[in-house]
Amino acid sequence: MPLRLEGYVELPEHRGKGGFDHAAVHRELRRLYVAHTANDAVDVIDLDEMRYIGSIDGLTGVAGALVAETWDVAFTSNRGEDTVGIFDVGRPDSLVKVPVGQRPNGLAFDRVRRTLLVANVGDAADPTSHTLSIVDTDRAEMSGSIPVAGRTRWAVHDPAPDRFFVNIADPPSIVVVDGADPTRLSRTIEIPAAGLHGLEVDGASRLFCACDAGRLLILAPPSYEVVADLALAGSPDVVFLDPGLHRLYVAIGDPGLIEVFDVDGFERVDVVETEHGGRTRSRLIWIGIASTPSSRPPTRGGLR
């Protein structure tokens, strides 16, 4: 099932510094929400017609985007104002903002308790600013803060063991927070590679961690030992898991490409060139599966 470049979607021109960041898909509505950092906005794309249909503005320095399809709710991490945004995907004007920690980025959602975990990048000069914020989305308020040892990257929630997992770039590790007790770290998993970046989890609770050192690590429960260590073509960005196809997509900024891995066979099965530094241009690169052009996109995507 090779990938192919199908076309481009023109997006609003950048109004400030920066480019694009994370994105998220609502499968049922067939909508893609892209964090347009340079415009302090989330751009919305119709996936059936592959066209830009509007933006949600007023999200200063927006970095992360996440969709909870069960509840038809979307979340944004607004790094420029230390808030997260929460809005009903059917009513973007329902947007509310919740103050969180310093420079929020990664987002993970417990869809049962409706708890949002926010991974805050913080300030390198202030070690105490590296934190995880816990947000009660029903009350739209922060309910707790958990200190971590270093700069955070992406985060996921795995409903099977009911745990949040958060990448820490340095010291390289994945920290764990129990969904039933989101008040402290329950565990720290040391990782043998520098610069943890993209993170995903599959239905078997395996973690897929892409590292700046040019390595893709696969960790298996319950010990979360490394069961596969695969080379990447460069420093990775976000990763995308398609559970139906059993494929993991890893975005590499330099050179501009996407590497595709078979998550069962632990091997690279495809690679497609995009554009060097593509996250800074005002357009979306649309890539499809050649044998099934109507295939729906992965659960999470972006240019980070």
Protein backbone atom coordinates (compact mmCIF):
# COMPACT_ATOMS: atom_id res chain seq x y z
CA MET A 1 0.00 0.00 0.00
CA PRO A 2 2.41 2.70 -1.17
CA LEU A 3 1.79 6.36 -0.46
CA ARG A 4 1.48 9.00 -3.14
CA LEU A 5 1.29 12.77 -3.23
CA GLU A 6 -2.29 13.70 -4.18
CA GLY A 7 -2.21 17.48 -3.99
CA TYR A 8 -2.22 20.59 -1.84
CA VAL A 9 -4.71 22.64 0.15
CA GLU A 10 -3.99 26.36 0.22
CA LEU A 11 -4.23 27.87 3.71
CA PRO A 12 -4.23 31.52 4.89
CA GLU A 13 -0.92 33.31 4.56
CA HIS A 14 1.17 33.65 7.71
CA ARG A 15 0.51 36.86 9.61
CA GLY A 16 3.42 36.49 12.04
CA LYS A 17 6.45 34.41 12.90
CA GLY A 18 6.32 30.64 13.01
CA GLY A 19 4.35 28.26 10.84
CA PHE A 20 2.13 25.29 11.54
CA ASP A 21 2.19 22.77 14.36
CA HIS A 22 0.10 19.79 15.43
CA ALA A 23 -3.20 18.79 13.86
CA ALA A 24 -6.10 16.48 14.67
CA VAL A 25 -8.83 14.68 12.75
CA HIS A 26 -12.54 14.28 13.47
CA ARG A 27 -13.28 11.15 11.43
CA GLU A 28 -17.07 11.28 11.52
CA LEU A 29 -17.28 14.96 10.56
CA ARG A 30 -14.40 14.54 8.08
CA ARG A 31 -12.67 17.63 9.41
CA LEU A 32 -8.98 18.33 9.94
CA TYR A 33 -7.95 20.93 12.55
CA VAL A 34 -4.46 22.38 12.01
CA ALA A 35 -2.66 24.58 14.54
CA HIS A 36 -1.61 27.65 12.52
CA THR A 37 0.88 29.08 15.01
CA ALA A 38 1.83 32.06 12.88
CA ASN A 39 -1.80 33.19 12.79
CA ASP A 40 -2.80 32.35 16.39
CA ALA A 41 -5.54 30.21 14.87
CA VAL A 42 -6.70 26.71 14.05
CA ASP A 43 -7.43 26.20 10.36
CA VAL A 44 -10.25 23.81 9.46
CA ILE A 45 -10.11 21.62 6.34
CA ASP A 46 -12.96 19.62 4.76
CA LEU A 47 -11.41 16.20 4.09
CA ASP A 48 -13.96 15.13 1.51
CA GLU A 49 -13.57 18.20 -0.68
CA MET A 50 -9.98 18.85 0.43
CA ARG A 51 -10.47 22.55 0.90
CA TYR A 52 -9.98 25.14 3.61
CA ILE A 53 -13.32 26.18 5.13
CA GLY A 54 -12.39 28.59 7.94
CA SER A 55 -10.33 29.36 11.03
CA ILE A 56 -10.84 29.57 14.77
CA ASP A 57 -8.97 32.69 15.85
CA GLY A 58 -7.67 34.14 19.11
CA LEU A 59 -5.45 31.20 20.12
CA THR A 60 -2.16 32.93 20.85
CA GLY A 61 0.83 30.80 19.86
CA VAL A 62 -1.34 27.72 19.33
CA ALA A 63 0.84 24.60 19.25
CA GLY A 64 -1.19 21.48 20.00
CA ALA A 65 -4.53 20.25 18.72
CA LEU A 66 -6.53 17.24 19.86
CA VAL A 67 -10.04 15.98 19.07
CA ALA A 68 -12.21 13.85 21.40
CA GLU A 69 -14.68 12.38 18.90
CA THR A 70 -16.73 10.64 21.60
CA TRP A 71 -17.71 14.05 22.96
CA ASP A 72 -17.37 16.14 19.76
CA VAL A 73 -14.92 18.38 21.60
CA ALA A 74 -11.56 19.79 20.47
CA PHE A 75 -8.67 21.08 22.53
CA THR A 76 -5.80 23.42 21.74
CA SER A 77 -2.62 24.26 23.65
CA ASN A 78 -1.93 27.98 23.33
CA ARG A 79 1.74 28.34 24.11
CA GLY A 80 1.81 32.12 23.73
CA GLU A 81 -0.71 32.74 26.50
CA ASP A 82 -0.35 29.70 28.80
CA THR A 83 -3.89 28.45 28.23
CA VAL A 84 -5.73 25.53 26.68
CA GLY A 85 -8.77 26.08 24.50
CA ILE A 86 -11.88 23.87 24.67
CA PHE A 87 -14.68 24.07 22.09
CA ASP A 88 -17.55 22.05 20.66
CA VAL A 89 -16.59 21.11 17.10
CA GLY A 90 -20.13 21.98 15.97
CA ARG A 91 -19.99 25.39 17.65
CA PRO A 92 -16.54 26.97 17.44
CA ASP A 93 -17.95 30.05 19.17
CA SER A 94 -18.28 27.92 22.32
CA LEU A 95 -14.53 28.31 22.86
CA VAL A 96 -13.43 28.68 26.48
CA LYS A 97 -9.87 29.04 27.74
CA VAL A 98 -8.36 27.54 30.88
CA PRO A 99 -5.08 28.87 32.36
CA VAL A 100 -2.48 26.12 32.74
CA GLY A 101 1.30 25.87 33.16
CA GLN A 102 4.04 27.63 31.22
CA ARG A 103 4.10 27.14 27.44
CA PRO A 104 1.63 24.25 27.03
CA ASN A 105 2.20 21.86 24.14
CA GLY A 106 1.30 18.15 24.38
CA LEU A 107 -2.30 17.09 25.02
CA ALA A 108 -3.89 13.78 26.09
CA PHE A 109 -7.52 13.09 27.02
CA ASP A 110 -9.17 10.55 29.31
CA ARG A 111 -12.53 10.21 27.56
CA VAL A 112 -14.17 8.42 30.51
CA ARG A 113 -13.39 10.99 33.21
CA ARG A 114 -13.15 13.84 30.67
CA THR A 115 -9.77 14.76 32.11
CA LEU A 116 -7.26 16.59 29.92
CA LEU A 117 -3.53 16.27 30.61
CA VAL A 118 -1.43 19.18 29.34
CA ALA A 119 2.33 18.81 28.96
CA ASN A 120 3.98 22.18 29.53
CA VAL A 121 7.32 22.92 27.85
CA GLY A 122 8.25 25.47 30.53
CA ASP A 123 11.40 27.60 30.54
CA ALA A 124 14.83 25.98 30.28
CA ALA A 125 16.17 28.58 32.74
CA ASP A 126 13.61 27.56 35.36
CA PRO A 127 13.52 23.79 36.07
CA THR A 128 10.42 24.19 38.22
CA SER A 129 8.43 25.34 35.17
CA HIS A 130 8.43 21.87 33.55
CA THR A 131 5.03 20.57 34.62
CA LEU A 132 1.95 18.62 33.67
CA SER A 133 -1.38 20.40 34.14
CA ILE A 134 -4.54 18.41 34.84
CA VAL A 135 -7.73 20.02 33.55
CA ASP A 136 -11.31 19.13 34.52
CA THR A 137 -12.96 19.80 31.14
CA ASP A 138 -16.51 19.74 32.54
CA ARG A 139 -15.71 22.56 34.95
CA ALA A 140 -13.20 24.18 32.58
CA GLU A 141 -10.62 24.58 35.32
CA MET A 142 -7.18 23.27 36.19
CA SER A 143 -7.43 20.75 39.01
CA GLY A 144 -3.77 19.92 39.57
CA SER A 145 -0.13 20.33 38.59
CA ILE A 146 2.62 17.69 38.52
CA PRO A 147 6.33 18.61 38.29
CA VAL A 148 8.53 16.69 35.84
CA ALA A 149 12.29 16.54 35.38
CA GLY A 150 12.64 18.26 32.01
CA ARG A 151 11.14 19.64 28.79
CA THR A 152 8.01 17.82 27.75
CA ARG A 153 7.08 16.76 24.25
CA TRP A 154 3.94 14.87 23.21
CA ALA A 155 1.54 12.89 25.41
CA VAL A 156 -1.03 10.09 25.00
CA HIS A 157 -3.68 8.37 27.10
CA ASP A 158 -4.05 4.60 26.91
CA PRO A 159 -7.54 3.55 28.07
CA ALA A 160 -6.64 -0.12 28.60
CA PRO A 161 -4.33 0.39 31.61
CA ASP A 162 -5.92 3.83 32.19
CA ARG A 163 -2.65 5.73 32.10
CA PHE A 164 -1.22 8.89 30.62
CA PHE A 165 2.25 8.70 29.04
CA VAL A 166 4.35 11.82 28.45
CA ASN A 167 7.65 12.17 26.59
CA ILE A 168 10.44 14.02 28.40
CA ALA A 169 13.18 15.18 26.02
CA ASP A 170 15.94 15.40 28.64
CA PRO A 171 16.56 13.37 30.70
CA PRO A 172 15.22 10.96 28.05
CA SER A 173 12.27 9.24 29.66
CA ILE A 174 8.54 8.62 29.52
CA VAL A 175 6.64 9.55 32.66
CA VAL A 176 3.41 7.82 33.62
CA VAL A 177 0.34 9.23 35.37
CA ASP A 178 -2.53 6.97 36.47
CA GLY A 179 -5.88 8.15 35.14
CA ALA A 180 -7.56 7.32 38.44
CA ASP A 181 -5.03 9.37 40.40
CA PRO A 182 -3.75 12.23 38.22
CA THR A 183 -1.99 13.93 41.12
CA ARG A 184 1.52 12.50 40.82
CA LEU A 185 3.86 10.47 38.65
CA SER A 186 3.33 6.75 39.15
CA ARG A 187 6.36 5.67 37.15
CA THR A 188 9.28 6.85 35.03
CA ILE A 189 10.49 4.75 32.09
CA GLU A 190 14.09 5.46 31.12
CA ILE A 191 14.68 5.61 27.36
CA PRO A 192 18.04 4.73 25.71
CA ALA A 193 17.93 7.50 23.09
CA ALA A 194 18.15 11.29 23.20
CA GLY A 195 15.43 13.81 22.47
CA LEU A 196 12.10 12.03 22.78
CA HIS A 197 9.62 13.66 20.42
CA GLY A 198 6.58 11.99 18.82
CA LEU A 199 4.58 9.44 20.83
CA GLU A 200 1.75 7.04 19.98
CA VAL A 201 0.06 4.02 21.56
CA ASP A 202 -1.78 1.13 19.89
CA GLY A 203 -4.56 -1.24 20.95
CA ALA A 204 -2.04 -3.63 22.45
CA SER A 205 -0.74 -0.79 24.67
CA ARG A 206 2.60 -0.70 22.87
CA LEU A 207 4.28 2.69 22.85
CA PHE A 208 5.91 4.10 19.70
CA CYS A 209 8.48 6.75 20.56
CA ALA A 210 10.37 8.73 17.88
CA CYS A 211 13.58 10.34 19.12
CA ASP A 212 15.68 13.24 17.84
CA ALA A 213 18.63 10.84 17.82
CA GLY A 214 17.10 9.34 14.66
CA ARG A 215 15.58 6.26 16.28
CA LEU A 216 12.09 4.83 16.53
CA LEU A 217 11.63 2.78 19.69
CA ILE A 218 8.76 0.36 20.31
CA LEU A 219 8.06 -0.46 23.95
CA ALA A 220 5.84 -3.33 25.09
CA PRO A 221 3.83 -3.60 28.30
CA PRO A 222 3.78 -4.40 31.13
CA SER A 223 7.47 -3.68 31.66
CA TYR A 224 7.68 -1.29 28.67
CA GLU A 225 11.02 -2.70 27.63
CA VAL A 226 12.28 -1.81 24.18
CA VAL A 227 11.28 -4.61 21.79
CA ALA A 228 12.35 -2.84 18.58
CA ASP A 229 14.88 -0.11 17.81
CA LEU A 230 14.58 1.13 14.22
CA ALA A 231 16.71 3.71 12.40
CA LEU A 232 15.09 6.86 11.02
CA ALA A 233 16.28 8.99 8.10
CA GLY A 234 16.67 12.06 10.33
CA SER A 235 15.36 13.83 13.37
CA PRO A 236 11.62 13.05 13.60
CA ASP A 237 8.63 15.21 14.24
CA VAL A 238 5.23 13.83 15.21
CA VAL A 239 4.19 10.25 14.55
CA PHE A 240 0.80 9.03 13.26
CA LEU A 241 -0.71 5.62 13.94
CA ASP A 242 -3.31 4.04 11.66
CA PRO A 243 -4.62 1.10 13.71
CA GLY A 244 -6.64 -0.29 10.80
CA LEU A 245 -3.67 -0.54 8.47
CA HIS A 246 -1.17 -1.35 11.25
CA ARG A 247 1.03 1.41 9.96
CA LEU A 248 3.00 4.10 11.79
CA TYR A 249 3.85 7.29 9.89
CA VAL A 250 6.88 9.29 11.03
CA ALA A 251 7.38 12.86 9.77
CA ILE A 252 11.01 13.82 9.15
CA GLY A 253 11.60 17.55 8.68
CA ASP A 254 15.11 17.29 7.22
CA PRO A 255 15.04 15.78 4.68
CA GLY A 256 11.34 16.42 4.12
CA LEU A 257 9.73 13.01 4.04
CA ILE A 258 7.39 10.59 5.77
CA GLU A 259 8.62 7.12 6.70
CA VAL A 260 6.06 4.33 7.01
CA PHE A 261 6.55 1.37 9.34
CA ASP A 262 4.73 -1.94 9.67
CA VAL A 263 4.05 -2.02 13.42
CA ASP A 264 3.70 -5.81 13.44
CA GLY A 265 6.74 -6.67 11.34
CA PHE A 266 8.91 -3.91 12.89
CA GLU A 267 10.18 -2.75 9.51
CA ARG A 268 10.05 0.26 7.23
CA VAL A 269 7.76 -0.43 4.28
CA ASP A 270 7.54 2.89 2.46
CA VAL A 271 8.84 6.44 2.29
CA VAL A 272 7.42 9.49 0.52
CA GLU A 273 9.08 12.84 -0.05
CA THR A 274 7.19 15.96 1.04
CA GLU A 275 9.01 19.29 1.26
CA HIS A 276 12.01 20.39 3.27
CA GLY A 277 10.74 22.62 6.07
CA GLY A 278 7.19 22.12 4.83
CA ARG A 279 5.70 23.17 8.17
CA THR A 280 6.43 26.82 7.40
CA ARG A 281 4.52 27.13 4.11
CA SER A 282 0.89 28.23 3.93
CA ARG A 283 -0.47 25.06 2.45
CA LEU A 284 -1.31 21.52 3.47
CA ILE A 285 0.39 18.64 1.65
CA TRP A 286 -2.15 15.87 1.06
CA ILE A 287 -0.78 12.33 0.83
CA GLY A 288 -2.98 9.29 0.20
CA ILE A 289 -2.64 5.53 -0.06
CA ALA A 290 -2.25 4.63 -3.70
CA SER A 291 -4.27 1.41 -3.62
CA THR A 292 -7.12 2.89 -1.55
CA PRO A 293 -7.49 6.59 -2.41
CA SER A 294 -10.63 6.96 -0.28
CA SER A 295 -8.90 5.69 2.86
CA ARG A 296 -9.48 7.84 5.89
CA PRO A 297 -6.56 9.64 7.50
CA PRO A 298 -4.72 8.55 10.65
CA THR A 299 -6.00 9.48 14.10
CA ARG A 300 -3.58 12.29 14.67
CA GLY A 301 -1.32 14.34 12.48
CA GLY A 302 0.57 17.54 12.13
CA LEU A 303 3.80 19.28 11.37
CA ARG A 304 5.62 19.85 14.59
